[in-house]
Amino acid sequence: QIRLYGRGRTFNPSHRVRKRRHGFLARARTKAGRKILNRRKTRRARYWSH
């Protein structure tokens, strides 16, 4: 069996999807997300999320 085609381009940027999945409010909504935000705060990261 020979595969003729690859998967194409998998990164199709969309501001809406990016914000909804990785945005500050999405992080703040869940317990695990708040952990991420706190970890980035303590590390004094310039940006906490998108």
Protein backbone atom coordinates (compact mmCIF):
# COMPACT_ATOMS: atom_id res chain seq x y z
CA GLN A 1 0.00 0.00 0.00
CA ILE A 2 1.35 3.39 -1.00
CA ARG A 3 -0.07 6.60 0.39
CA LEU A 4 -0.28 9.22 -2.32
CA TYR A 5 -1.14 12.28 -0.29
CA GLY A 6 -0.08 13.76 3.04
CA ARG A 7 -2.44 15.32 5.51
CA GLY A 8 -2.23 18.79 4.04
CA ARG A 9 -1.83 21.80 6.27
CA THR A 10 -3.22 21.15 9.73
CA PHE A 11 -2.82 24.68 11.12
CA ASN A 12 -5.63 26.90 9.86
CA PRO A 13 -5.56 29.91 12.17
CA SER A 14 -8.77 31.36 13.55
CA HIS A 15 -8.81 34.05 16.23
CA ARG A 16 -12.16 32.89 17.57
CA VAL A 17 -11.10 29.26 18.05
CA ARG A 18 -7.77 30.32 19.55
CA LYS A 19 -9.44 32.56 22.12
CA ARG A 20 -12.13 30.02 22.99
CA ARG A 21 -9.68 27.18 23.50
CA HIS A 22 -6.64 28.89 24.95
CA GLY A 23 -7.90 32.29 26.07
CA PHE A 24 -7.77 33.74 29.57
CA LEU A 25 -11.47 33.19 30.24
CA ALA A 26 -11.26 29.58 29.06
CA ARG A 27 -8.35 29.01 31.45
CA ALA A 28 -10.08 30.76 34.35
CA ARG A 29 -13.20 28.61 33.91
CA THR A 30 -11.64 25.29 34.90
CA LYS A 31 -9.65 24.17 37.92
CA ALA A 32 -6.78 22.91 35.76
CA GLY A 33 -6.83 26.14 33.77
CA ARG A 34 -6.53 28.22 36.94
CA LYS A 35 -3.53 26.08 37.89
CA ILE A 36 -1.90 26.97 34.57
CA LEU A 37 -2.59 30.69 35.10
CA ASN A 38 -1.15 30.60 38.62
CA ARG A 39 1.93 28.74 37.41
CA ARG A 40 2.51 31.37 34.74
CA LYS A 41 1.93 34.19 37.24
CA THR A 42 4.50 32.81 39.68
CA ARG A 43 6.98 32.44 36.82
CA ARG A 44 6.22 36.10 36.00
CA ALA A 45 5.48 35.22 32.39
CA ARG A 46 4.84 38.23 30.18
CA TYR A 47 1.60 36.73 28.85
CA TRP A 48 -0.56 34.38 30.90
CA SER A 49 -2.69 33.23 27.97
CA HIS A 50 -4.09 34.36 24.61
